[in-house]
Structures are given as C-alpha cells and as structure tokens.
C-alpha cells in the first residue's frame, strides 16, 4: 500500500506540473535546488521501523527522494508536494537532534513525515525551504535567505554560552520551574544544571528582550497554539481528545497521546451544533462526516473556536484595520436551545 500511495502522489505532482504555464515551466527549469542525504521516517501504528537514509532533491514546492545520489537521474521513490503542508521544528541542539515534522494534506486528513538533518546548517536550509514550499513558494523566492537566517537565530537561542560558568551547587527550587511530569522523571541535581544553563543564555538580556526570546521559543514549539478538549465521538465508546488549532482539528488518543486523525478547515464544507443534545457535527470534502459531544467544555466553546479561526483565515493584511462584525458574529454565534 505504501508503494501504491507513493506512486499516486508522484503522479499527482506531475499532473500539477503539466498544468503550469510556459512561464512557470521556464522558471522551474532555472529554479535553484537543494540536494543532500537526509533521513526520513513515517510514523505508523504497530511499526518499529526507524529513520532510513535517502538522497533528497528539493525543487519548486516538492521533495523527491532516491536510494542514492547515483539514482537521482531516474524516477524517485516518492515525490511529495509540500504546498499547503505544515512544517514544524523538532529540535534539540544539545542532543544534536535536527528534525523537521511535516504534515502533508491528504484526502483522509494529514500524513505525518519526519525528516532528520545532520547538522544546523543543513537543517536551516531545508527547514526554510519547507516553510516556503508550504506557501507555494520556491527556493528562488527573495525571502529564502532571511528565512534561513531566522532559523539560525532560533537555534542560537538554544546554544550554551561557553564564556559563562554555571554553579551546580546553587540551591534552586526545581519544582517551581519544571512541570510535575519532569519533576518525577528527573532528580533535582539533574535539572539544576540545565536550568542554570538556560538562565545564563538570557542573563545579560533586558527584561523585555528576555520575554521576547521566551515568546519566540514558545511559539516555535511543535504543539504551540493547540487547544485541547476531551470529547466523545459519535459511535465511540471511549473519551478522546480533540485538538483545535488555527487551521485544523486533530483527533488524539487519550490513553497514549497518539494522533489518530487530522482534518483541515479548508476541506470543511459546513459545521452545525445541535443545541438540544449538545453535539457538534462537521462535514468535510469526500463525504467525510464526524460528530462529537464535549466532555470537559461546552460545545459552544468548540463552535466559537472553529468559527473564530475560519474568520481569521478570511482576513488579509490590507483588511487588518477593518472588521466585518456581521461575518464574525455569523461564524461564532449560535442559538442555544431554550
């Protein structure tokens, strides 16, 4: 099935290219590329397979990968169109982990793919390329270098300053700085050096600059901006978690925290709330219908989240000063049962 999916996706990318104008085709021939060995991993249930190394080629808004550099002149193993995808960092500079988490739009939701880079330099270039491709832009776009520089600045925030000395003997109440989950997992003597190391990276900054750096790191976290609600899907016998983000809904297994399904708002046809039984029903393209009742929140909150995010997606930079209040209330309002 994986080979069939790969072949169909390659065909889709080629058909998209066939519909391009002559000018677009000329730009494609002269557009810059990225070529290098990367590792790829596709999370699937009941699998223990890890990352596998391939030769990758990044051109236009798609990634192709081959068994080796020598075979890159032939047909790729798979070609992935990144337009409309989501690229999130999965990075730990201290542990030399430089991964890119890609969520690729698919008829059944979103396919998850991880790319692993060898170093900061490689990661910065490929991450910048993925971000531009998600917006339909190629490497020839003028913002590519500024995007690379922005990613390098983010990585620099996580690096330890070698000119500073951390006093591991300093007494720190780690319980007030670390979540209970990590307090149980690690001892105080393990956490203290890491906390002091992070502190030294911002010790010379003003309060405002330190807060801005904190916000930048926070916003770059993979799970940033996800609001979680416990729900019960129609036809299911167990509670699950619904993640609500600015552009998609995520169905998450409550027991293990694994993503089960993803639905994007741009594939949504309509949504309704049955105020009598407090149930939200949503229809997506491809005759996909879901319905759920909320366990830990009122269904009105979920309704307002969805309507609010869809309203925000309709606004452009030119319209930022004007607010269509009628449309906003139409999308977020509702008539509850009396």
C-alpha atoms as a PDB file:
ATOM      1  CA  UNK A   1       0.000   0.000   0.000  1.00  0.00           C
ATOM      2  CA  UNK A   2       2.883   2.380   0.747  1.00  0.00           C
ATOM      3  CA  UNK A   3       4.294   1.855  -2.771  1.00  0.00           C
ATOM      4  CA  UNK A   4       0.852   2.481  -4.297  1.00  0.00           C
ATOM      5  CA  UNK A   5       0.387   5.674  -2.267  1.00  0.00           C
ATOM      6  CA  UNK A   6       3.838   6.884  -3.312  1.00  0.00           C
ATOM      7  CA  UNK A   7       3.134   6.214  -6.998  1.00  0.00           C
ATOM      8  CA  UNK A   8      -0.211   8.024  -6.880  1.00  0.00           C
ATOM      9  CA  UNK A   9       1.347  11.015  -5.134  1.00  0.00           C
ATOM     10  CA  UNK A  10       4.145  11.220  -7.727  1.00  0.00           C
ATOM     11  CA  UNK A  11       1.517  11.144 -10.497  1.00  0.00           C
ATOM     12  CA  UNK A  12      -0.424  13.938  -8.790  1.00  0.00           C
ATOM     13  CA  UNK A  13       2.690  16.121  -8.589  1.00  0.00           C
ATOM     14  CA  UNK A  14       3.460  15.511 -12.280  1.00  0.00           C
ATOM     15  CA  UNK A  15      -0.105  16.386 -13.308  1.00  0.00           C
ATOM     16  CA  UNK A  16       0.121  19.614 -11.324  1.00  0.00           C
ATOM     17  CA  UNK A  17       3.271  20.450 -13.262  1.00  0.00           C
ATOM     18  CA  UNK A  18       1.596  19.655 -16.586  1.00  0.00           C
ATOM     19  CA  UNK A  19      -0.988  22.357 -15.921  1.00  0.00           C
ATOM     20  CA  UNK A  20       1.681  25.044 -15.431  1.00  0.00           C
ATOM     21  CA  UNK A  21       2.037  27.956 -17.833  1.00  0.00           C
ATOM     22  CA  UNK A  22       5.088  28.208 -20.166  1.00  0.00           C
ATOM     23  CA  UNK A  23       6.498  30.980 -17.969  1.00  0.00           C
ATOM     24  CA  UNK A  24       6.154  28.816 -14.848  1.00  0.00           C
ATOM     25  CA  UNK A  25       7.843  25.924 -16.652  1.00  0.00           C
ATOM     26  CA  UNK A  26      10.752  28.191 -17.639  1.00  0.00           C
ATOM     27  CA  UNK A  27      11.134  29.327 -14.026  1.00  0.00           C
ATOM     28  CA  UNK A  28      11.063  25.710 -12.886  1.00  0.00           C
ATOM     29  CA  UNK A  29      13.947  24.855 -15.213  1.00  0.00           C
ATOM     30  CA  UNK A  30      16.110  27.636 -13.775  1.00  0.00           C
ATOM     31  CA  UNK A  31      14.952  27.492 -10.142  1.00  0.00           C
ATOM     32  CA  UNK A  32      17.625  26.581  -7.559  1.00  0.00           C
ATOM     33  CA  UNK A  33      17.582  23.201  -5.845  1.00  0.00           C
ATOM     34  CA  UNK A  34      18.675  21.578  -2.605  1.00  0.00           C
ATOM     35  CA  UNK A  35      20.345  18.174  -2.853  1.00  0.00           C
ATOM     36  CA  UNK A  36      21.672  16.145   0.061  1.00  0.00           C
ATOM     37  CA  UNK A  37      21.422  12.954   2.075  1.00  0.00           C
ATOM     38  CA  UNK A  38      18.667  13.111   4.715  1.00  0.00           C
ATOM     39  CA  UNK A  39      16.843  10.553   6.807  1.00  0.00           C
ATOM     40  CA  UNK A  40      13.083  10.044   6.604  1.00  0.00           C
ATOM     41  CA  UNK A  41      10.605   8.453   8.974  1.00  0.00           C
ATOM     42  CA  UNK A  42       6.869   7.872   8.511  1.00  0.00           C
ATOM     43  CA  UNK A  43       5.168   7.083  11.848  1.00  0.00           C
ATOM     44  CA  UNK A  44       2.672   4.268  11.519  1.00  0.00           C
ATOM     45  CA  UNK A  45       0.843   2.149  14.026  1.00  0.00           C
ATOM     46  CA  UNK A  46       2.346  -1.192  15.009  1.00  0.00           C
ATOM     47  CA  UNK A  47       5.713  -0.454  13.391  1.00  0.00           C
ATOM     48  CA  UNK A  48       9.203  -0.371  14.861  1.00  0.00           C
ATOM     49  CA  UNK A  49      10.949   0.930  11.750  1.00  0.00           C
ATOM     50  CA  UNK A  50      13.142   3.972  12.302  1.00  0.00           C
ATOM     51  CA  UNK A  51      14.779   6.572  10.082  1.00  0.00           C
ATOM     52  CA  UNK A  52      16.166   5.493   6.693  1.00  0.00           C
ATOM     53  CA  UNK A  53      18.697   7.494   4.705  1.00  0.00           C
ATOM     54  CA  UNK A  54      17.998   8.567   1.110  1.00  0.00           C
ATOM     55  CA  UNK A  55      19.247  11.119  -1.393  1.00  0.00           C
ATOM     56  CA  UNK A  56      16.817  14.051  -1.357  1.00  0.00           C
ATOM     57  CA  UNK A  57      16.138  16.658  -4.000  1.00  0.00           C
ATOM     58  CA  UNK A  58      14.151  19.795  -3.188  1.00  0.00           C
ATOM     59  CA  UNK A  59      12.839  21.660  -6.230  1.00  0.00           C
ATOM     60  CA  UNK A  60       9.965  24.112  -6.597  1.00  0.00           C
ATOM     61  CA  UNK A  61       7.489  23.147  -3.858  1.00  0.00           C
ATOM     62  CA  UNK A  62       8.133  19.412  -3.767  1.00  0.00           C
ATOM     63  CA  UNK A  63      10.599  16.913  -2.323  1.00  0.00           C
ATOM     64  CA  UNK A  64      11.795  13.818  -4.182  1.00  0.00           C
ATOM     65  CA  UNK A  65      13.970  11.118  -2.698  1.00  0.00           C
ATOM     66  CA  UNK A  66      16.061   8.309  -4.181  1.00  0.00           C
ATOM     67  CA  UNK A  67      18.017   5.323  -2.884  1.00  0.00           C
ATOM     68  CA  UNK A  68      21.308   7.046  -3.717  1.00  0.00           C
ATOM     69  CA  UNK A  69      22.784  10.091  -5.443  1.00  0.00           C
ATOM     70  CA  UNK A  70      23.641   7.974  -8.485  1.00  0.00           C
ATOM     71  CA  UNK A  71      19.973   7.028  -8.985  1.00  0.00           C
ATOM     72  CA  UNK A  72      18.718  10.632  -8.778  1.00  0.00           C
ATOM     73  CA  UNK A  73      18.664  10.925 -12.585  1.00  0.00           C
ATOM     74  CA  UNK A  74      15.873   8.347 -12.751  1.00  0.00           C
ATOM     75  CA  UNK A  75      12.425   8.099 -11.196  1.00  0.00           C
ATOM     76  CA  UNK A  76      12.223   8.922  -7.466  1.00  0.00           C
ATOM     77  CA  UNK A  77      10.960   6.522  -4.834  1.00  0.00           C
ATOM     78  CA  UNK A  78       8.413   9.187  -3.972  1.00  0.00           C
ATOM     79  CA  UNK A  79       7.704  12.812  -4.775  1.00  0.00           C
ATOM     80  CA  UNK A  80       5.887  14.837  -2.114  1.00  0.00           C
ATOM     81  CA  UNK A  81       4.102  18.091  -2.896  1.00  0.00           C
ATOM     82  CA  UNK A  82       4.570  20.396   0.107  1.00  0.00           C
ATOM     83  CA  UNK A  83       2.152  23.122  -0.951  1.00  0.00           C
ATOM     84  CA  UNK A  84      -0.346  23.572   1.875  1.00  0.00           C
ATOM     85  CA  UNK A  85       1.658  21.402   4.272  1.00  0.00           C
ATOM     86  CA  UNK A  86       2.760  22.340   7.774  1.00  0.00           C
ATOM     87  CA  UNK A  87       6.422  22.345   8.773  1.00  0.00           C
ATOM     88  CA  UNK A  88       7.205  22.280  12.500  1.00  0.00           C
ATOM     89  CA  UNK A  89      10.607  22.080  14.220  1.00  0.00           C
ATOM     90  CA  UNK A  90      11.582  19.061  16.304  1.00  0.00           C
ATOM     91  CA  UNK A  91      14.960  20.228  17.546  1.00  0.00           C
ATOM     92  CA  UNK A  92      17.268  19.647  20.483  1.00  0.00           C
ATOM     93  CA  UNK A  93      20.555  21.466  19.885  1.00  0.00           C
ATOM     94  CA  UNK A  94      22.245  19.981  22.959  1.00  0.00           C
ATOM     95  CA  UNK A  95      21.326  16.479  21.799  1.00  0.00           C
ATOM     96  CA  UNK A  96      22.233  17.247  18.166  1.00  0.00           C
ATOM     97  CA  UNK A  97      18.705  16.466  17.040  1.00  0.00           C
ATOM     98  CA  UNK A  98      17.608  18.445  13.974  1.00  0.00           C
ATOM     99  CA  UNK A  99      14.282  17.132  12.685  1.00  0.00           C
ATOM    100  CA  UNK A 100      11.528  18.634  10.550  1.00  0.00           C
ATOM    101  CA  UNK A 101       7.983  17.459  11.196  1.00  0.00           C
ATOM    102  CA  UNK A 102       5.841  17.683   8.063  1.00  0.00           C
ATOM    103  CA  UNK A 103       2.069  17.338   7.980  1.00  0.00           C
ATOM    104  CA  UNK A 104       1.107  16.651   4.355  1.00  0.00           C
ATOM    105  CA  UNK A 105      -2.508  17.252   3.234  1.00  0.00           C
ATOM    106  CA  UNK A 106      -4.243  14.038   2.155  1.00  0.00           C
ATOM    107  CA  UNK A 107      -7.868  13.092   1.380  1.00  0.00           C
ATOM    108  CA  UNK A 108      -8.208  11.246   4.689  1.00  0.00           C
ATOM    109  CA  UNK A 109      -6.614  14.030   6.748  1.00  0.00           C
ATOM    110  CA  UNK A 110      -2.904  14.738   7.206  1.00  0.00           C
ATOM    111  CA  UNK A 111       0.039  12.395   6.639  1.00  0.00           C
ATOM    112  CA  UNK A 112       2.908  12.760   9.099  1.00  0.00           C
ATOM    113  CA  UNK A 113       6.511  12.684   7.837  1.00  0.00           C
ATOM    114  CA  UNK A 114       9.757  13.386   9.705  1.00  0.00           C
ATOM    115  CA  UNK A 115      12.995  14.491   8.033  1.00  0.00           C
ATOM    116  CA  UNK A 116      16.223  14.293  10.038  1.00  0.00           C
ATOM    117  CA  UNK A 117      19.174  16.545   9.189  1.00  0.00           C
ATOM    118  CA  UNK A 118      22.800  16.010  10.185  1.00  0.00           C
ATOM    119  CA  UNK A 119      23.646  19.499  11.451  1.00  0.00           C
ATOM    120  CA  UNK A 120      22.394  23.049  11.991  1.00  0.00           C
ATOM    121  CA  UNK A 121      23.490  24.269   8.560  1.00  0.00           C
ATOM    122  CA  UNK A 122      21.608  21.544   6.717  1.00  0.00           C
ATOM    123  CA  UNK A 123      18.558  21.905   8.953  1.00  0.00           C
ATOM    124  CA  UNK A 124      18.350  25.691   8.465  1.00  0.00           C
ATOM    125  CA  UNK A 125      18.307  25.411   4.661  1.00  0.00           C
ATOM    126  CA  UNK A 126      15.841  22.528   4.439  1.00  0.00           C
ATOM    127  CA  UNK A 127      13.508  23.919   7.091  1.00  0.00           C
ATOM    128  CA  UNK A 128      13.430  27.288   5.313  1.00  0.00           C
ATOM    129  CA  UNK A 129      12.691  25.527   2.014  1.00  0.00           C
ATOM    130  CA  UNK A 130       9.828  23.551   3.587  1.00  0.00           C
ATOM    131  CA  UNK A 131       8.288  26.692   5.066  1.00  0.00           C
ATOM    132  CA  UNK A 132       8.402  28.490   1.724  1.00  0.00           C
ATOM    133  CA  UNK A 133       7.035  25.442  -0.115  1.00  0.00           C
ATOM    134  CA  UNK A 134       4.097  25.271   2.299  1.00  0.00           C
ATOM    135  CA  UNK A 135       3.145  28.734   1.000  1.00  0.00           C
ATOM    136  CA  UNK A 136       3.638  27.679  -2.623  1.00  0.00           C
ATOM    137  CA  UNK A 137       6.996  29.477  -2.977  1.00  0.00           C
ATOM    138  CA  UNK A 138      10.225  28.089  -4.438  1.00  0.00           C
ATOM    139  CA  UNK A 139      13.865  28.482  -3.412  1.00  0.00           C
ATOM    140  CA  UNK A 140      14.117  31.359  -5.888  1.00  0.00           C
ATOM    141  CA  UNK A 141      11.905  33.473  -3.631  1.00  0.00           C
ATOM    142  CA  UNK A 142      13.677  36.524  -2.204  1.00  0.00           C
ATOM    143  CA  UNK A 143      12.674  35.617   1.364  1.00  0.00           C
ATOM    144  CA  UNK A 144      14.615  32.320   1.384  1.00  0.00           C
ATOM    145  CA  UNK A 145      17.846  33.715   2.849  1.00  0.00           C
ATOM    146  CA  UNK A 146      16.030  35.750   5.502  1.00  0.00           C
ATOM    147  CA  UNK A 147      14.088  32.604   6.472  1.00  0.00           C
ATOM    148  CA  UNK A 148      17.362  30.679   6.807  1.00  0.00           C
ATOM    149  CA  UNK A 149      18.820  33.428   8.983  1.00  0.00           C
ATOM    150  CA  UNK A 150      15.718  33.463  11.183  1.00  0.00           C
ATOM    151  CA  UNK A 151      16.038  29.712  11.783  1.00  0.00           C
ATOM    152  CA  UNK A 152      19.739  30.056  12.613  1.00  0.00           C
ATOM    153  CA  UNK A 153      18.890  32.752  15.153  1.00  0.00           C
ATOM    154  CA  UNK A 154      16.351  30.426  16.749  1.00  0.00           C
ATOM    155  CA  UNK A 155      18.949  27.649  17.017  1.00  0.00           C
ATOM    156  CA  UNK A 156      21.447  30.080  18.539  1.00  0.00           C
ATOM    157  CA  UNK A 157      18.992  30.729  21.380  1.00  0.00           C
ATOM    158  CA  UNK A 158      19.314  27.105  22.470  1.00  0.00           C
ATOM    159  CA  UNK A 159      23.101  27.037  22.474  1.00  0.00           C
ATOM    160  CA  UNK A 160      25.087  27.278  25.684  1.00  0.00           C
ATOM    161  CA  UNK A 161      27.276  30.322  26.157  1.00  0.00           C
ATOM    162  CA  UNK A 162      30.809  28.887  26.662  1.00  0.00           C
ATOM    163  CA  UNK A 163      32.021  32.057  28.399  1.00  0.00           C
ATOM    164  CA  UNK A 164      29.674  31.620  31.333  1.00  0.00           C
ATOM    165  CA  UNK A 165      30.074  29.347  34.320  1.00  0.00           C
ATOM    166  CA  UNK A 166      27.163  27.622  35.998  1.00  0.00           C
ATOM    167  CA  UNK A 167      27.367  26.892  39.697  1.00  0.00           C
ATOM    168  CA  UNK A 168      25.748  23.492  40.050  1.00  0.00           C
ATOM    169  CA  UNK A 169      25.791  23.827  43.825  1.00  0.00           C
ATOM    170  CA  UNK A 170      23.363  26.753  43.722  1.00  0.00           C
ATOM    171  CA  UNK A 171      20.128  25.909  45.510  1.00  0.00           C
ATOM    172  CA  UNK A 172      17.132  26.040  43.157  1.00  0.00           C
ATOM    173  CA  UNK A 173      13.553  25.048  43.795  1.00  0.00           C
ATOM    174  CA  UNK A 174      13.162  22.968  40.642  1.00  0.00           C
ATOM    175  CA  UNK A 175       9.524  22.141  41.439  1.00  0.00           C
ATOM    176  CA  UNK A 176       8.538  25.773  40.849  1.00  0.00           C
ATOM    177  CA  UNK A 177      10.292  25.879  37.449  1.00  0.00           C
ATOM    178  CA  UNK A 178       9.588  22.447  35.974  1.00  0.00           C
ATOM    179  CA  UNK A 179       6.311  20.658  35.285  1.00  0.00           C
ATOM    180  CA  UNK A 180       5.328  17.780  37.633  1.00  0.00           C
ATOM    181  CA  UNK A 181       5.893  15.284  34.823  1.00  0.00           C
ATOM    182  CA  UNK A 182       9.585  16.176  34.570  1.00  0.00           C
ATOM    183  CA  UNK A 183       9.986  16.576  38.330  1.00  0.00           C
ATOM    184  CA  UNK A 184       9.019  12.911  38.682  1.00  0.00           C
ATOM    185  CA  UNK A 185      11.206  11.823  35.768  1.00  0.00           C
ATOM    186  CA  UNK A 186      14.426  13.630  36.764  1.00  0.00           C
ATOM    187  CA  UNK A 187      16.156  14.367  40.055  1.00  0.00           C
ATOM    188  CA  UNK A 188      16.839  17.917  41.235  1.00  0.00           C
ATOM    189  CA  UNK A 189      20.595  17.514  40.695  1.00  0.00           C
ATOM    190  CA  UNK A 190      19.893  16.628  37.047  1.00  0.00           C
ATOM    191  CA  UNK A 191      17.544  19.554  36.479  1.00  0.00           C
ATOM    192  CA  UNK A 192      19.593  22.256  38.230  1.00  0.00           C
ATOM    193  CA  UNK A 193      22.480  22.384  35.681  1.00  0.00           C
ATOM    194  CA  UNK A 194      20.007  22.582  32.782  1.00  0.00           C
ATOM    195  CA  UNK A 195      18.077  25.406  34.443  1.00  0.00           C
ATOM    196  CA  UNK A 196      21.265  27.349  35.200  1.00  0.00           C
ATOM    197  CA  UNK A 197      22.482  26.782  31.647  1.00  0.00           C
ATOM    198  CA  UNK A 198      19.245  28.193  30.229  1.00  0.00           C
ATOM    199  CA  UNK A 199      19.451  31.124  32.637  1.00  0.00           C
ATOM    200  CA  UNK A 200      22.980  32.031  31.522  1.00  0.00           C
ATOM    201  CA  UNK A 201      21.746  32.333  27.938  1.00  0.00           C
ATOM    202  CA  UNK A 202      19.412  35.182  28.919  1.00  0.00           C
ATOM    203  CA  UNK A 203      21.188  36.603  31.979  1.00  0.00           C
ATOM    204  CA  UNK A 204      22.656  39.540  30.043  1.00  0.00           C
ATOM    205  CA  UNK A 205      19.378  40.464  28.335  1.00  0.00           C
ATOM    206  CA  UNK A 206      16.977  43.145  29.454  1.00  0.00           C
ATOM    207  CA  UNK A 207      13.620  42.021  30.831  1.00  0.00           C
ATOM    208  CA  UNK A 208      11.859  42.943  27.572  1.00  0.00           C
ATOM    209  CA  UNK A 209      14.386  41.107  25.374  1.00  0.00           C
ATOM    210  CA  UNK A 210      14.251  38.050  27.642  1.00  0.00           C
ATOM    211  CA  UNK A 211      10.453  37.962  27.398  1.00  0.00           C
ATOM    212  CA  UNK A 212      10.602  38.296  23.607  1.00  0.00           C
ATOM    213  CA  UNK A 213      13.088  35.426  23.395  1.00  0.00           C
ATOM    214  CA  UNK A 214      10.855  33.290  25.608  1.00  0.00           C
ATOM    215  CA  UNK A 215       7.883  34.015  23.330  1.00  0.00           C
ATOM    216  CA  UNK A 216       9.912  33.126  20.209  1.00  0.00           C
ATOM    217  CA  UNK A 217      10.957  29.770  21.655  1.00  0.00           C
ATOM    218  CA  UNK A 218       7.444  29.095  22.941  1.00  0.00           C
ATOM    219  CA  UNK A 219       5.855  29.847  19.555  1.00  0.00           C
ATOM    220  CA  UNK A 220       8.340  27.524  17.829  1.00  0.00           C
ATOM    221  CA  UNK A 221       7.293  24.505  19.905  1.00  0.00           C
ATOM    222  CA  UNK A 222       5.560  21.775  17.841  1.00  0.00           C
ATOM    223  CA  UNK A 223       2.377  21.856  19.961  1.00  0.00           C
ATOM    224  CA  UNK A 224       2.097  25.644  20.202  1.00  0.00           C
ATOM    225  CA  UNK A 225      -1.402  27.019  19.636  1.00  0.00           C
ATOM    226  CA  UNK A 226      -3.302  23.763  20.193  1.00  0.00           C
ATOM    227  CA  UNK A 227      -6.354  23.941  22.475  1.00  0.00           C
ATOM    228  CA  UNK A 228      -7.375  20.546  23.859  1.00  0.00           C
ATOM    229  CA  UNK A 229     -10.891  19.371  24.725  1.00  0.00           C
ATOM    230  CA  UNK A 230     -11.993  15.907  25.853  1.00  0.00           C
ATOM    231  CA  UNK A 231     -14.831  14.719  23.602  1.00  0.00           C
ATOM    232  CA  UNK A 232     -16.829  11.585  22.830  1.00  0.00           C
ATOM    233  CA  UNK A 233     -17.103  10.895  19.087  1.00  0.00           C
ATOM    234  CA  UNK A 234     -20.381   9.521  17.781  1.00  0.00           C
ATOM    235  CA  UNK A 235     -20.215   5.728  17.638  1.00  0.00           C
ATOM    236  CA  UNK A 236     -17.241   5.538  20.012  1.00  0.00           C
ATOM    237  CA  UNK A 237     -17.356   4.024  23.493  1.00  0.00           C
ATOM    238  CA  UNK A 238     -14.403   5.926  24.933  1.00  0.00           C
ATOM    239  CA  UNK A 239     -13.407   9.528  25.503  1.00  0.00           C
ATOM    240  CA  UNK A 240     -10.808  11.063  23.197  1.00  0.00           C
ATOM    241  CA  UNK A 241      -9.047  14.408  22.881  1.00  0.00           C
ATOM    242  CA  UNK A 242      -9.867  16.976  20.208  1.00  0.00           C
ATOM    243  CA  UNK A 243      -7.035  19.382  19.407  1.00  0.00           C
ATOM    244  CA  UNK A 244      -8.164  22.698  17.906  1.00  0.00           C
ATOM    245  CA  UNK A 245      -5.570  24.744  16.001  1.00  0.00           C
ATOM    246  CA  UNK A 246      -5.808  27.798  13.718  1.00  0.00           C
ATOM    247  CA  UNK A 247      -6.007  25.594  10.591  1.00  0.00           C
ATOM    248  CA  UNK A 248      -7.029  22.058  11.548  1.00  0.00           C
ATOM    249  CA  UNK A 249      -8.748  19.715  14.005  1.00  0.00           C
ATOM    250  CA  UNK A 250      -6.787  16.809  15.498  1.00  0.00           C
ATOM    251  CA  UNK A 251      -8.226  13.597  16.933  1.00  0.00           C
ATOM    252  CA  UNK A 252      -5.904  12.291  19.661  1.00  0.00           C
ATOM    253  CA  UNK A 253      -5.963   9.013  21.578  1.00  0.00           C
ATOM    254  CA  UNK A 254      -6.468   9.941  25.233  1.00  0.00           C
ATOM    255  CA  UNK A 255      -4.558   6.916  26.525  1.00  0.00           C
ATOM    256  CA  UNK A 256      -1.264   7.247  24.619  1.00  0.00           C
ATOM    257  CA  UNK A 257      -1.445  10.771  23.175  1.00  0.00           C
ATOM    258  CA  UNK A 258      -1.132   9.498  19.597  1.00  0.00           C
ATOM    259  CA  UNK A 259      -2.661  11.450  16.708  1.00  0.00           C
ATOM    260  CA  UNK A 260      -5.430   9.343  15.168  1.00  0.00           C
ATOM    261  CA  UNK A 261      -6.790  11.692  12.501  1.00  0.00           C
ATOM    262  CA  UNK A 262      -6.423  15.249  11.258  1.00  0.00           C
ATOM    263  CA  UNK A 263      -8.930  17.408   9.389  1.00  0.00           C
ATOM    264  CA  UNK A 264      -8.107  20.774   7.800  1.00  0.00           C
ATOM    265  CA  UNK A 265     -10.526  23.699   7.795  1.00  0.00           C
ATOM    266  CA  UNK A 266     -10.012  24.309   4.065  1.00  0.00           C
ATOM    267  CA  UNK A 267     -11.594  20.874   3.455  1.00  0.00           C
ATOM    268  CA  UNK A 268     -14.581  21.706   5.655  1.00  0.00           C
ATOM    269  CA  UNK A 269     -17.924  22.202   3.950  1.00  0.00           C
ATOM    270  CA  UNK A 270     -20.044  23.070   6.964  1.00  0.00           C
ATOM    271  CA  UNK A 271     -20.471  22.532  10.675  1.00  0.00           C
ATOM    272  CA  UNK A 272     -23.575  22.551  12.842  1.00  0.00           C
ATOM    273  CA  UNK A 273     -24.365  22.409  16.537  1.00  0.00           C
ATOM    274  CA  UNK A 274     -27.355  20.524  17.871  1.00  0.00           C
ATOM    275  CA  UNK A 275     -28.013  22.617  20.961  1.00  0.00           C
ATOM    276  CA  UNK A 276     -30.613  20.147  22.284  1.00  0.00           C
ATOM    277  CA  UNK A 277     -28.171  17.243  22.658  1.00  0.00           C
ATOM    278  CA  UNK A 278     -25.023  19.450  22.775  1.00  0.00           C
ATOM    279  CA  UNK A 279     -23.415  17.776  19.766  1.00  0.00           C
ATOM    280  CA  UNK A 280     -21.130  19.259  17.087  1.00  0.00           C
ATOM    281  CA  UNK A 281     -21.416  17.810  13.556  1.00  0.00           C
ATOM    282  CA  UNK A 282     -18.902  18.634  10.803  1.00  0.00           C
ATOM    283  CA  UNK A 283     -18.915  17.737   7.105  1.00  0.00           C
ATOM    284  CA  UNK A 284     -15.677  17.624   5.074  1.00  0.00           C
ATOM    285  CA  UNK A 285     -14.896  17.056   1.404  1.00  0.00           C
ATOM    286  CA  UNK A 286     -15.047  13.462   0.216  1.00  0.00           C
ATOM    287  CA  UNK A 287     -18.263  12.684   2.133  1.00  0.00           C
ATOM    288  CA  UNK A 288     -16.402  12.659   5.450  1.00  0.00           C
ATOM    289  CA  UNK A 289     -18.715  13.378   8.385  1.00  0.00           C
ATOM    290  CA  UNK A 290     -17.850  13.494  12.083  1.00  0.00           C
ATOM    291  CA  UNK A 291     -19.916  14.266  15.168  1.00  0.00           C
ATOM    292  CA  UNK A 292     -18.953  14.530  18.816  1.00  0.00           C
ATOM    293  CA  UNK A 293     -20.167  15.750  22.183  1.00  0.00           C
ATOM    294  CA  UNK A 294     -17.874  17.674  24.539  1.00  0.00           C
ATOM    295  CA  UNK A 295     -16.950  16.238  27.943  1.00  0.00           C
ATOM    296  CA  UNK A 296     -14.704  18.887  29.522  1.00  0.00           C
ATOM    297  CA  UNK A 297     -16.094  22.008  27.851  1.00  0.00           C
ATOM    298  CA  UNK A 298     -19.313  23.397  26.467  1.00  0.00           C
ATOM    299  CA  UNK A 299     -19.833  22.647  22.772  1.00  0.00           C
ATOM    300  CA  UNK A 300     -20.311  26.392  22.303  1.00  0.00           C
ATOM    301  CA  UNK A 301     -16.585  26.889  23.035  1.00  0.00           C
ATOM    302  CA  UNK A 302     -15.588  24.473  20.254  1.00  0.00           C
ATOM    303  CA  UNK A 303     -18.070  26.171  17.923  1.00  0.00           C
ATOM    304  CA  UNK A 304     -16.574  29.596  18.710  1.00  0.00           C
ATOM    305  CA  UNK A 305     -13.011  28.317  18.221  1.00  0.00           C
ATOM    306  CA  UNK A 306     -13.801  26.913  14.773  1.00  0.00           C
ATOM    307  CA  UNK A 307     -15.786  29.964  13.684  1.00  0.00           C
ATOM    308  CA  UNK A 308     -13.148  32.356  15.019  1.00  0.00           C
ATOM    309  CA  UNK A 309     -10.261  30.620  13.259  1.00  0.00           C
ATOM    310  CA  UNK A 310     -12.168  30.464   9.973  1.00  0.00           C
ATOM    311  CA  UNK A 311     -12.983  34.166  10.328  1.00  0.00           C
ATOM    312  CA  UNK A 312      -9.289  34.966  10.885  1.00  0.00           C
ATOM    313  CA  UNK A 313      -8.353  32.996   7.759  1.00  0.00           C
ATOM    314  CA  UNK A 314     -10.598  35.268   5.667  1.00  0.00           C
ATOM    315  CA  UNK A 315      -8.748  38.413   6.754  1.00  0.00           C
ATOM    316  CA  UNK A 316      -5.856  39.805   4.735  1.00  0.00           C
ATOM    317  CA  UNK A 317      -3.152  42.293   5.630  1.00  0.00           C
ATOM    318  CA  UNK A 318      -4.942  45.017   3.649  1.00  0.00           C
ATOM    319  CA  UNK A 319      -8.123  44.458   5.670  1.00  0.00           C
ATOM    320  CA  UNK A 320      -6.425  44.322   9.063  1.00  0.00           C
ATOM    321  CA  UNK A 321      -7.813  47.713  10.102  1.00  0.00           C
ATOM    322  CA  UNK A 322     -11.414  46.872   9.252  1.00  0.00           C
ATOM    323  CA  UNK A 323     -13.540  44.281  10.993  1.00  0.00           C
ATOM    324  CA  UNK A 324     -16.558  42.608   9.419  1.00  0.00           C
ATOM    325  CA  UNK A 325     -18.524  42.262  12.646  1.00  0.00           C
ATOM    326  CA  UNK A 326     -21.543  40.776  10.885  1.00  0.00           C
ATOM    327  CA  UNK A 327     -19.469  37.902   9.456  1.00  0.00           C
ATOM    328  CA  UNK A 328     -17.692  37.382  12.780  1.00  0.00           C
ATOM    329  CA  UNK A 329     -20.960  37.036  14.725  1.00  0.00           C
ATOM    330  CA  UNK A 330     -22.398  34.820  12.000  1.00  0.00           C
ATOM    331  CA  UNK A 331     -19.460  32.399  12.276  1.00  0.00           C
ATOM    332  CA  UNK A 332     -19.080  32.401  16.056  1.00  0.00           C
ATOM    333  CA  UNK A 333     -22.649  32.994  17.210  1.00  0.00           C
ATOM    334  CA  UNK A 334     -25.351  30.423  17.709  1.00  0.00           C
ATOM    335  CA  UNK A 335     -28.813  29.923  19.055  1.00  0.00           C
ATOM    336  CA  UNK A 336     -28.798  27.696  22.088  1.00  0.00           C
ATOM    337  CA  UNK A 337     -31.860  25.648  22.964  1.00  0.00           C
ATOM    338  CA  UNK A 338     -34.131  27.342  25.471  1.00  0.00           C
END
